[in-house]
Structures are given as structure tokens and as C-alpha cells.
Amino acid sequence: MGEGVRVLARLDADRGERIVAVRQGNVLATSFHPELTPDLRLHQYFLDMLA
């Protein structure tokens, strides 16, 4: 993790905690496909970034 990177989501996995979503400035990155889940929170977060 570099300077200015904010962790947005973590996952407790059998091999320890994993970071699954981050943001740095106007860049949003995930290690999964949020569009394939029924949870719309990340989509709303992205829209709020644009407002």
C-alpha cells in the first residue's frame, strides 16, 4: 500500500485478512467484480465520488 491509498473493504479469509477494495484520489480498485453481486453499496460509493 502506498501513501494516500485508503482501504475501503477487507475480507477475513482462511489465510488471514485480505484487502479487496481501495481508493487513491479519483481511482477506485477492487479485487472482485462488484457488478456481479447483488450488493449495490460499491456502485453507490462510485456514484457519490462523481457528485
PDB file of N, CA and C in Angstrom:
ATOM      1  N   MET A   1       0.842  -1.168   0.000  1.00  0.00           N
ATOM      2  CA  MET A   1       0.000   0.000   0.000  1.00  0.00           C
ATOM      3  C   MET A   1       0.887   1.230   0.000  1.00  0.00           C
ATOM      4  N   GLY A   2       0.586   2.119  -0.906  1.00  0.00           N
ATOM      5  CA  GLY A   2       1.353   3.336  -0.996  1.00  0.00           C
ATOM      6  C   GLY A   2       0.723   4.471  -0.218  1.00  0.00           C
ATOM      7  N   GLU A   3       1.434   5.577  -0.187  1.00  0.00           N
ATOM      8  CA  GLU A   3       0.954   6.754   0.507  1.00  0.00           C
ATOM      9  C   GLU A   3      -0.300   7.289  -0.192  1.00  0.00           C
ATOM     10  N   GLY A   4      -1.295   7.656   0.593  1.00  0.00           N
ATOM     11  CA  GLY A   4      -2.519   8.207   0.039  1.00  0.00           C
ATOM     12  C   GLY A   4      -3.542   7.172  -0.386  1.00  0.00           C
ATOM     13  N   VAL A   5      -3.247   5.891  -0.199  1.00  0.00           N
ATOM     14  CA  VAL A   5      -4.192   4.834  -0.552  1.00  0.00           C
ATOM     15  C   VAL A   5      -5.069   4.540   0.663  1.00  0.00           C
ATOM     16  N   ARG A   6      -6.370   4.574   0.452  1.00  0.00           N
ATOM     17  CA  ARG A   6      -7.327   4.317   1.532  1.00  0.00           C
ATOM     18  C   ARG A   6      -7.982   2.961   1.310  1.00  0.00           C
ATOM     19  N   VAL A   7      -7.944   2.109   2.301  1.00  0.00           N
ATOM     20  CA  VAL A   7      -8.595   0.801   2.223  1.00  0.00           C
ATOM     21  C   VAL A   7     -10.090   1.004   2.442  1.00  0.00           C
ATOM     22  N   LEU A   8     -10.896   0.504   1.500  1.00  0.00           N
ATOM     23  CA  LEU A   8     -12.345   0.625   1.592  1.00  0.00           C
ATOM     24  C   LEU A   8     -13.008  -0.651   2.093  1.00  0.00           C
ATOM     25  N   ALA A   9     -12.405  -1.812   1.797  1.00  0.00           N
ATOM     26  CA  ALA A   9     -13.017  -3.080   2.211  1.00  0.00           C
ATOM     27  C   ALA A   9     -11.948  -4.132   2.435  1.00  0.00           C
ATOM     28  N   ARG A  10     -12.207  -4.977   3.418  1.00  0.00           N
ATOM     29  CA  ARG A  10     -11.330  -6.104   3.748  1.00  0.00           C
ATOM     30  C   ARG A  10     -12.188  -7.361   3.844  1.00  0.00           C
ATOM     31  N   LEU A  11     -11.554  -8.494   3.638  1.00  0.00           N
ATOM     32  CA  LEU A  11     -12.220  -9.782   3.733  1.00  0.00           C
ATOM     33  C   LEU A  11     -11.431 -10.671   4.675  1.00  0.00           C
ATOM     34  N   ASP A  12     -12.115 -11.253   5.653  1.00  0.00           N
ATOM     35  CA  ASP A  12     -11.466 -12.226   6.530  1.00  0.00           C
ATOM     36  C   ASP A  12     -11.446 -13.558   5.802  1.00  0.00           C
ATOM     37  N   ALA A  13     -10.266 -14.013   5.422  1.00  0.00           N
ATOM     38  CA  ALA A  13     -10.116 -15.265   4.683  1.00  0.00           C
ATOM     39  C   ALA A  13      -9.400 -16.283   5.568  1.00  0.00           C
ATOM     40  N   ASP A  14      -9.401 -17.525   5.142  1.00  0.00           N
ATOM     41  CA  ASP A  14      -8.752 -18.575   5.930  1.00  0.00           C
ATOM     42  C   ASP A  14      -7.246 -18.361   6.055  1.00  0.00           C
ATOM     43  N   ARG A  15      -6.653 -17.611   5.144  1.00  0.00           N
ATOM     44  CA  ARG A  15      -5.212 -17.326   5.211  1.00  0.00           C
ATOM     45  C   ARG A  15      -4.933 -15.931   5.761  1.00  0.00           C
ATOM     46  N   GLY A  16      -5.908 -15.351   6.429  1.00  0.00           N
ATOM     47  CA  GLY A  16      -5.730 -14.027   7.019  1.00  0.00           C
ATOM     48  C   GLY A  16      -6.549 -12.986   6.293  1.00  0.00           C
ATOM     49  N   GLU A  17      -6.515 -11.806   6.814  1.00  0.00           N
ATOM     50  CA  GLU A  17      -7.294 -10.710   6.259  1.00  0.00           C
ATOM     51  C   GLU A  17      -6.736 -10.260   4.912  1.00  0.00           C
ATOM     52  N   ARG A  18      -7.621 -10.003   3.963  1.00  0.00           N
ATOM     53  CA  ARG A  18      -7.235  -9.558   2.626  1.00  0.00           C
ATOM     54  C   ARG A  18      -7.895  -8.222   2.316  1.00  0.00           C
ATOM     55  N   ILE A  19      -7.165  -7.331   1.676  1.00  0.00           N
ATOM     56  CA  ILE A  19      -7.717  -6.063   1.206  1.00  0.00           C
ATOM     57  C   ILE A  19      -8.381  -6.329  -0.140  1.00  0.00           C
ATOM     58  N   VAL A  20      -9.644  -5.916  -0.286  1.00  0.00           N
ATOM     59  CA  VAL A  20     -10.370  -6.208  -1.523  1.00  0.00           C
ATOM     60  C   VAL A  20     -10.857  -4.961  -2.266  1.00  0.00           C
ATOM     61  N   ALA A  21     -10.752  -3.783  -1.641  1.00  0.00           N
ATOM     62  CA  ALA A  21     -11.136  -2.549  -2.328  1.00  0.00           C
ATOM     63  C   ALA A  21     -10.328  -1.385  -1.762  1.00  0.00           C
ATOM     64  N   VAL A  22      -9.818  -0.525  -2.660  1.00  0.00           N
ATOM     65  CA  VAL A  22      -9.011   0.626  -2.266  1.00  0.00           C
ATOM     66  C   VAL A  22      -9.375   1.835  -3.114  1.00  0.00           C
ATOM     67  N   ARG A  23      -8.981   2.989  -2.595  1.00  0.00           N
ATOM     68  CA  ARG A  23      -9.159   4.234  -3.345  1.00  0.00           C
ATOM     69  C   ARG A  23      -7.934   5.106  -3.130  1.00  0.00           C
ATOM     70  N   GLN A  24      -7.483   5.733  -4.215  1.00  0.00           N
ATOM     71  CA  GLN A  24      -6.441   6.752  -4.137  1.00  0.00           C
ATOM     72  C   GLN A  24      -6.873   7.879  -5.053  1.00  0.00           C
ATOM     73  N   GLY A  25      -7.211   9.007  -4.450  1.00  0.00           N
ATOM     74  CA  GLY A  25      -7.709  10.130  -5.242  1.00  0.00           C
ATOM     75  C   GLY A  25      -8.985   9.749  -5.969  1.00  0.00           C
ATOM     76  N   ASN A  26      -8.960   9.881  -7.291  1.00  0.00           N
ATOM     77  CA  ASN A  26     -10.153   9.547  -8.070  1.00  0.00           C
ATOM     78  C   ASN A  26     -10.084   8.141  -8.673  1.00  0.00           C
ATOM     79  N   VAL A  27      -9.156   7.313  -8.195  1.00  0.00           N
ATOM     80  CA  VAL A  27      -9.012   5.938  -8.693  1.00  0.00           C
ATOM     81  C   VAL A  27      -9.589   4.973  -7.668  1.00  0.00           C
ATOM     82  N   LEU A  28     -10.481   4.109  -8.130  1.00  0.00           N
ATOM     83  CA  LEU A  28     -11.116   3.095  -7.307  1.00  0.00           C
ATOM     84  C   LEU A  28     -10.717   1.735  -7.859  1.00  0.00           C
ATOM     85  N   ALA A  29     -10.246   0.817  -6.994  1.00  0.00           N
ATOM     86  CA  ALA A  29      -9.818  -0.504  -7.451  1.00  0.00           C
ATOM     87  C   ALA A  29     -10.391  -1.583  -6.541  1.00  0.00           C
ATOM     88  N   THR A  30     -10.800  -2.697  -7.144  1.00  0.00           N
ATOM     89  CA  THR A  30     -11.298  -3.843  -6.385  1.00  0.00           C
ATOM     90  C   THR A  30     -10.627  -5.116  -6.891  1.00  0.00           C
ATOM     91  N   SER A  31     -10.633  -6.130  -6.048  1.00  0.00           N
ATOM     92  CA  SER A  31     -10.078  -7.421  -6.449  1.00  0.00           C
ATOM     93  C   SER A  31     -11.192  -8.402  -6.795  1.00  0.00           C
ATOM     94  N   PHE A  32     -12.373  -7.878  -7.064  1.00  0.00           N
ATOM     95  CA  PHE A  32     -13.528  -8.690  -7.426  1.00  0.00           C
ATOM     96  C   PHE A  32     -14.383  -7.877  -8.394  1.00  0.00           C
ATOM     97  N   HIS A  33     -15.430  -8.473  -8.909  1.00  0.00           N
ATOM     98  CA  HIS A  33     -16.334  -7.790  -9.837  1.00  0.00           C
ATOM     99  C   HIS A  33     -17.610  -7.399  -9.097  1.00  0.00           C
ATOM    100  N   PRO A  34     -17.681  -6.170  -8.583  1.00  0.00           N
ATOM    101  CA  PRO A  34     -18.864  -5.774  -7.803  1.00  0.00           C
ATOM    102  C   PRO A  34     -20.152  -5.793  -8.631  1.00  0.00           C
ATOM    103  N   GLU A  35     -20.034  -5.685  -9.939  1.00  0.00           N
ATOM    104  CA  GLU A  35     -21.237  -5.710 -10.782  1.00  0.00           C
ATOM    105  C   GLU A  35     -21.870  -7.093 -10.834  1.00  0.00           C
ATOM    106  N   LEU A  36     -21.166  -8.110 -10.351  1.00  0.00           N
ATOM    107  CA  LEU A  36     -21.702  -9.473 -10.355  1.00  0.00           C
ATOM    108  C   LEU A  36     -22.337  -9.855  -9.019  1.00  0.00           C
ATOM    109  N   THR A  37     -22.410  -8.911  -8.091  1.00  0.00           N
ATOM    110  CA  THR A  37     -23.026  -9.180  -6.792  1.00  0.00           C
ATOM    111  C   THR A  37     -24.315  -8.377  -6.668  1.00  0.00           C
ATOM    112  N   PRO A  38     -25.224  -8.804  -5.816  1.00  0.00           N
ATOM    113  CA  PRO A  38     -26.465  -8.045  -5.617  1.00  0.00           C
ATOM    114  C   PRO A  38     -26.281  -6.822  -4.714  1.00  0.00           C
ATOM    115  N   ASP A  39     -25.125  -6.681  -4.081  1.00  0.00           N
ATOM    116  CA  ASP A  39     -24.850  -5.568  -3.166  1.00  0.00           C
ATOM    117  C   ASP A  39     -24.486  -4.327  -3.970  1.00  0.00           C
ATOM    118  N   LEU A  40     -25.245  -3.269  -3.808  1.00  0.00           N
ATOM    119  CA  LEU A  40     -25.050  -2.054  -4.605  1.00  0.00           C
ATOM    120  C   LEU A  40     -24.260  -0.965  -3.880  1.00  0.00           C
ATOM    121  N   ARG A  41     -23.716  -1.265  -2.704  1.00  0.00           N
ATOM    122  CA  ARG A  41     -23.012  -0.225  -1.943  1.00  0.00           C
ATOM    123  C   ARG A  41     -21.797   0.327  -2.672  1.00  0.00           C
ATOM    124  N   LEU A  42     -21.030  -0.514  -3.332  1.00  0.00           N
ATOM    125  CA  LEU A  42     -19.855  -0.022  -4.050  1.00  0.00           C
ATOM    126  C   LEU A  42     -20.265   0.822  -5.253  1.00  0.00           C
ATOM    127  N   HIS A  43     -21.348   0.443  -5.905  1.00  0.00           N
ATOM    128  CA  HIS A  43     -21.865   1.241  -7.019  1.00  0.00           C
ATOM    129  C   HIS A  43     -22.291   2.627  -6.530  1.00  0.00           C
ATOM    130  N   GLN A  44     -22.969   2.659  -5.386  1.00  0.00           N
ATOM    131  CA  GLN A  44     -23.397   3.942  -4.824  1.00  0.00           C
ATOM    132  C   GLN A  44     -22.183   4.777  -4.426  1.00  0.00           C
ATOM    133  N   TYR A  45     -21.173   4.155  -3.862  1.00  0.00           N
ATOM    134  CA  TYR A  45     -19.950   4.860  -3.484  1.00  0.00           C
ATOM    135  C   TYR A  45     -19.314   5.501  -4.721  1.00  0.00           C
ATOM    136  N   PHE A  46     -19.249   4.744  -5.809  1.00  0.00           N
ATOM    137  CA  PHE A  46     -18.686   5.259  -7.053  1.00  0.00           C
ATOM    138  C   PHE A  46     -19.494   6.450  -7.562  1.00  0.00           C
ATOM    139  N   LEU A  47     -20.813   6.341  -7.542  1.00  0.00           N
ATOM    140  CA  LEU A  47     -21.646   7.465  -7.982  1.00  0.00           C
ATOM    141  C   LEU A  47     -21.446   8.683  -7.092  1.00  0.00           C
ATOM    142  N   ASP A  48     -21.301   8.454  -5.790  1.00  0.00           N
ATOM    143  CA  ASP A  48     -21.050   9.569  -4.870  1.00  0.00           C
ATOM    144  C   ASP A  48     -19.704  10.230  -5.143  1.00  0.00           C
ATOM    145  N   MET A  49     -18.728   9.457  -5.625  1.00  0.00           N
ATOM    146  CA  MET A  49     -17.423  10.035  -5.990  1.00  0.00           C
ATOM    147  C   MET A  49     -17.586  11.023  -7.145  1.00  0.00           C
ATOM    148  N   LEU A  50     -18.535  10.768  -8.016  1.00  0.00           N
ATOM    149  CA  LEU A  50     -18.730  11.620  -9.208  1.00  0.00           C
ATOM    150  C   LEU A  50     -19.486  12.898  -8.883  1.00  0.00           C
ATOM    151  N   ALA A  51     -20.233  12.889  -7.795  1.00  0.00           N
ATOM    152  CA  ALA A  51     -21.084  14.049  -7.456  1.00  0.00           C
ATOM    153  C   ALA A  51     -20.290  15.159  -6.805  1.00  0.00           C
TER     154      ALA A  51
END
